[in-house]
N, C-alpha and C. Protein backbone atom coordinates (compact mmCIF):
# COMPACT_ATOMS: atom_id res chain seq x y z
N MET A 1 42.64 15.89 -11.29
CA MET A 1 42.27 14.48 -11.23
C MET A 1 40.84 14.32 -11.75
N ALA A 2 40.64 13.24 -12.45
CA ALA A 2 39.34 12.92 -13.02
C ALA A 2 38.86 11.61 -12.42
N ILE A 3 37.56 11.41 -12.44
CA ILE A 3 36.95 10.14 -12.04
C ILE A 3 36.04 9.71 -13.17
N GLN A 4 36.24 8.48 -13.63
CA GLN A 4 35.38 7.92 -14.67
C GLN A 4 34.95 6.53 -14.24
N ARG A 5 33.75 6.15 -14.67
CA ARG A 5 33.19 4.86 -14.29
C ARG A 5 32.88 4.04 -15.54
N PHE A 6 33.09 2.73 -15.40
CA PHE A 6 32.92 1.82 -16.53
C PHE A 6 32.30 0.51 -16.07
N TYR A 7 31.57 -0.12 -16.99
CA TYR A 7 31.17 -1.51 -16.81
C TYR A 7 32.20 -2.36 -17.53
N LEU A 8 32.73 -3.34 -16.85
CA LEU A 8 33.63 -4.31 -17.46
C LEU A 8 32.88 -5.63 -17.56
N THR A 9 32.86 -6.22 -18.72
CA THR A 9 32.21 -7.51 -18.92
C THR A 9 33.28 -8.51 -19.31
N TYR A 10 33.47 -9.50 -18.43
CA TYR A 10 34.49 -10.53 -18.62
C TYR A 10 33.87 -11.76 -19.25
N ALA A 11 34.54 -12.31 -20.25
CA ALA A 11 34.14 -13.60 -20.80
C ALA A 11 34.58 -14.71 -19.83
N GLU A 12 34.04 -15.87 -20.02
CA GLU A 12 34.29 -17.00 -19.11
C GLU A 12 35.78 -17.28 -18.91
N ASP A 13 36.56 -17.19 -19.96
CA ASP A 13 37.98 -17.52 -19.85
C ASP A 13 38.82 -16.42 -19.20
N ARG A 14 38.24 -15.26 -18.90
CA ARG A 14 38.98 -14.14 -18.29
C ARG A 14 38.57 -13.87 -16.85
N ILE A 15 37.54 -14.54 -16.35
CA ILE A 15 36.98 -14.23 -15.03
C ILE A 15 38.02 -14.34 -13.91
N LYS A 16 38.88 -15.30 -13.96
CA LYS A 16 39.83 -15.53 -12.86
C LYS A 16 41.11 -14.70 -12.98
N GLU A 17 41.25 -13.92 -14.04
CA GLU A 17 42.43 -13.09 -14.23
C GLU A 17 42.37 -11.86 -13.31
N PRO A 18 43.45 -11.48 -12.65
CA PRO A 18 43.46 -10.31 -11.75
C PRO A 18 43.65 -8.99 -12.51
N ILE A 19 42.77 -8.71 -13.43
CA ILE A 19 42.91 -7.57 -14.32
C ILE A 19 42.82 -6.25 -13.57
N ILE A 20 41.89 -6.11 -12.65
CA ILE A 20 41.75 -4.85 -11.91
C ILE A 20 42.98 -4.62 -11.03
N TYR A 21 43.48 -5.65 -10.41
CA TYR A 21 44.71 -5.54 -9.63
C TYR A 21 45.85 -5.06 -10.53
N GLN A 22 45.99 -5.66 -11.71
CA GLN A 22 47.06 -5.30 -12.63
C GLN A 22 46.94 -3.85 -13.09
N VAL A 23 45.73 -3.37 -13.30
CA VAL A 23 45.53 -1.97 -13.72
C VAL A 23 46.09 -1.03 -12.64
N GLY A 24 45.81 -1.33 -11.38
CA GLY A 24 46.30 -0.50 -10.30
C GLY A 24 47.82 -0.51 -10.18
N ARG A 25 48.46 -1.58 -10.64
CA ARG A 25 49.92 -1.68 -10.59
C ARG A 25 50.59 -1.07 -11.81
N LYS A 26 49.96 -1.21 -12.98
CA LYS A 26 50.57 -0.77 -14.24
C LYS A 26 50.36 0.72 -14.54
N PHE A 27 49.28 1.29 -14.01
CA PHE A 27 48.91 2.66 -14.35
C PHE A 27 48.72 3.49 -13.09
N ALA A 28 48.91 4.81 -13.23
CA ALA A 28 48.75 5.73 -12.10
C ALA A 28 47.28 6.08 -11.94
N VAL A 29 46.49 5.07 -11.57
CA VAL A 29 45.05 5.25 -11.33
C VAL A 29 44.68 4.54 -10.04
N VAL A 30 43.64 5.05 -9.41
CA VAL A 30 43.06 4.39 -8.24
C VAL A 30 41.83 3.64 -8.72
N THR A 31 41.75 2.36 -8.40
CA THR A 31 40.60 1.55 -8.80
C THR A 31 39.65 1.42 -7.63
N ASN A 32 38.36 1.47 -7.92
CA ASN A 32 37.33 1.32 -6.90
C ASN A 32 36.19 0.51 -7.51
N ILE A 33 36.02 -0.71 -7.02
CA ILE A 33 34.92 -1.55 -7.52
C ILE A 33 33.64 -1.07 -6.85
N ARG A 34 32.69 -0.61 -7.65
CA ARG A 34 31.43 -0.07 -7.14
C ARG A 34 30.32 -1.11 -7.12
N GLY A 35 30.52 -2.22 -7.82
CA GLY A 35 29.54 -3.28 -7.84
C GLY A 35 30.05 -4.40 -8.73
N ALA A 36 29.57 -5.61 -8.48
CA ALA A 36 30.01 -6.73 -9.30
C ALA A 36 29.01 -7.87 -9.23
N SER A 37 28.93 -8.61 -10.32
CA SER A 37 28.14 -9.83 -10.40
C SER A 37 28.98 -10.83 -11.18
N ILE A 38 29.38 -11.88 -10.49
CA ILE A 38 30.29 -12.86 -11.08
C ILE A 38 29.64 -14.25 -11.00
N SER A 39 29.69 -14.99 -12.10
CA SER A 39 29.25 -16.38 -12.12
C SER A 39 30.37 -17.20 -12.75
N ASP A 40 30.12 -18.47 -12.97
CA ASP A 40 31.12 -19.32 -13.63
C ASP A 40 31.27 -18.98 -15.11
N HIS A 41 30.30 -18.26 -15.68
CA HIS A 41 30.28 -18.05 -17.12
C HIS A 41 30.50 -16.61 -17.57
N ILE A 42 30.26 -15.65 -16.68
CA ILE A 42 30.41 -14.24 -17.05
C ILE A 42 30.66 -13.42 -15.78
N GLY A 43 31.37 -12.33 -15.95
CA GLY A 43 31.59 -11.41 -14.85
C GLY A 43 31.29 -10.00 -15.31
N ILE A 44 30.55 -9.25 -14.51
CA ILE A 44 30.25 -7.86 -14.80
C ILE A 44 30.66 -7.04 -13.59
N VAL A 45 31.52 -6.04 -13.82
CA VAL A 45 32.04 -5.22 -12.73
C VAL A 45 31.79 -3.75 -13.06
N ALA A 46 31.28 -3.00 -12.09
CA ALA A 46 31.20 -1.55 -12.20
C ALA A 46 32.46 -1.00 -11.55
N LEU A 47 33.33 -0.41 -12.35
CA LEU A 47 34.65 0.02 -11.88
C LEU A 47 34.80 1.52 -12.04
N GLU A 48 35.29 2.14 -10.97
CA GLU A 48 35.60 3.56 -10.99
C GLU A 48 37.12 3.71 -11.08
N LEU A 49 37.57 4.58 -11.97
CA LEU A 49 39.00 4.87 -12.10
C LEU A 49 39.21 6.35 -11.80
N GLU A 50 40.19 6.63 -10.96
CA GLU A 50 40.52 8.01 -10.63
C GLU A 50 41.98 8.26 -11.00
N GLY A 51 42.22 9.37 -11.67
CA GLY A 51 43.57 9.73 -12.07
C GLY A 51 43.53 10.78 -13.16
N GLU A 52 44.67 11.02 -13.77
CA GLU A 52 44.72 11.95 -14.89
C GLU A 52 43.97 11.33 -16.07
N GLU A 53 43.32 12.19 -16.85
CA GLU A 53 42.52 11.72 -18.00
C GLU A 53 43.33 10.80 -18.92
N ALA A 54 44.53 11.21 -19.26
CA ALA A 54 45.36 10.43 -20.18
C ALA A 54 45.70 9.06 -19.60
N GLU A 55 45.93 9.01 -18.31
CA GLU A 55 46.28 7.74 -17.67
C GLU A 55 45.06 6.82 -17.60
N ILE A 56 43.89 7.39 -17.34
CA ILE A 56 42.65 6.60 -17.37
C ILE A 56 42.45 6.03 -18.77
N ASP A 57 42.65 6.86 -19.78
CA ASP A 57 42.50 6.39 -21.17
C ASP A 57 43.46 5.24 -21.47
N ARG A 58 44.69 5.36 -21.02
CA ARG A 58 45.68 4.28 -21.23
C ARG A 58 45.22 3.01 -20.52
N ALA A 59 44.73 3.15 -19.28
CA ALA A 59 44.28 1.98 -18.52
C ALA A 59 43.09 1.30 -19.20
N VAL A 60 42.16 2.09 -19.69
CA VAL A 60 40.96 1.54 -20.36
C VAL A 60 41.37 0.81 -21.64
N ARG A 61 42.28 1.38 -22.40
CA ARG A 61 42.74 0.70 -23.62
C ARG A 61 43.42 -0.63 -23.28
N TRP A 62 44.18 -0.64 -22.19
CA TRP A 62 44.85 -1.88 -21.78
C TRP A 62 43.82 -2.92 -21.36
N ILE A 63 42.81 -2.51 -20.58
CA ILE A 63 41.77 -3.44 -20.14
C ILE A 63 41.08 -4.05 -21.37
N ALA A 64 40.70 -3.20 -22.31
CA ALA A 64 40.04 -3.68 -23.53
C ALA A 64 40.93 -4.65 -24.30
N GLY A 65 42.23 -4.45 -24.24
CA GLY A 65 43.16 -5.34 -24.89
C GLY A 65 43.29 -6.70 -24.22
N GLN A 66 42.71 -6.83 -23.04
CA GLN A 66 42.71 -8.10 -22.30
C GLN A 66 41.45 -8.91 -22.58
N ASP A 67 40.75 -8.59 -23.66
CA ASP A 67 39.50 -9.26 -24.04
C ASP A 67 38.39 -9.05 -23.01
N VAL A 68 38.36 -7.86 -22.44
CA VAL A 68 37.30 -7.45 -21.52
C VAL A 68 36.55 -6.31 -22.19
N LYS A 69 35.23 -6.42 -22.25
CA LYS A 69 34.41 -5.37 -22.85
C LYS A 69 34.32 -4.21 -21.87
N VAL A 70 34.61 -2.99 -22.33
CA VAL A 70 34.60 -1.80 -21.48
C VAL A 70 33.55 -0.84 -22.01
N GLU A 71 32.59 -0.47 -21.15
CA GLU A 71 31.54 0.47 -21.53
C GLU A 71 31.46 1.57 -20.48
N PRO A 72 31.46 2.84 -20.88
CA PRO A 72 31.34 3.92 -19.90
C PRO A 72 29.97 3.89 -19.23
N ILE A 73 29.97 4.26 -17.95
CA ILE A 73 28.72 4.39 -17.20
C ILE A 73 28.36 5.87 -17.18
N GLN A 74 27.14 6.17 -17.47
CA GLN A 74 26.69 7.56 -17.40
C GLN A 74 26.75 8.03 -15.95
N LYS A 75 27.00 9.30 -15.75
CA LYS A 75 27.14 9.86 -14.40
C LYS A 75 25.90 9.59 -13.55
N ASN A 76 26.15 9.37 -12.26
CA ASN A 76 25.13 9.19 -11.23
C ASN A 76 24.36 7.87 -11.34
N VAL A 77 24.77 6.94 -12.19
CA VAL A 77 24.05 5.70 -12.31
C VAL A 77 24.28 4.83 -11.07
N ILE A 78 25.51 4.82 -10.53
CA ILE A 78 25.79 3.94 -9.40
C ILE A 78 26.17 4.71 -8.14
N GLU A 79 25.86 5.98 -8.07
CA GLU A 79 26.19 6.75 -6.88
C GLU A 79 25.15 6.54 -5.81
């Protein structure tokens, strides 16, 4: 099992979408929100994904396909 962390940046029109919930249902990964800042105009979430590397990669590609910017977090930044 691997653990990877990402910053997700949501545009205004995607903020209310349950994307993290959907990731946990569609892929064999455990989601853990490590931090978040949400306003009416933008949402930024620090998300940890745990699972097999290939499944994490699939989940990240799916998230990016939902018009959410995905950026890896360097290790120990939010621990």
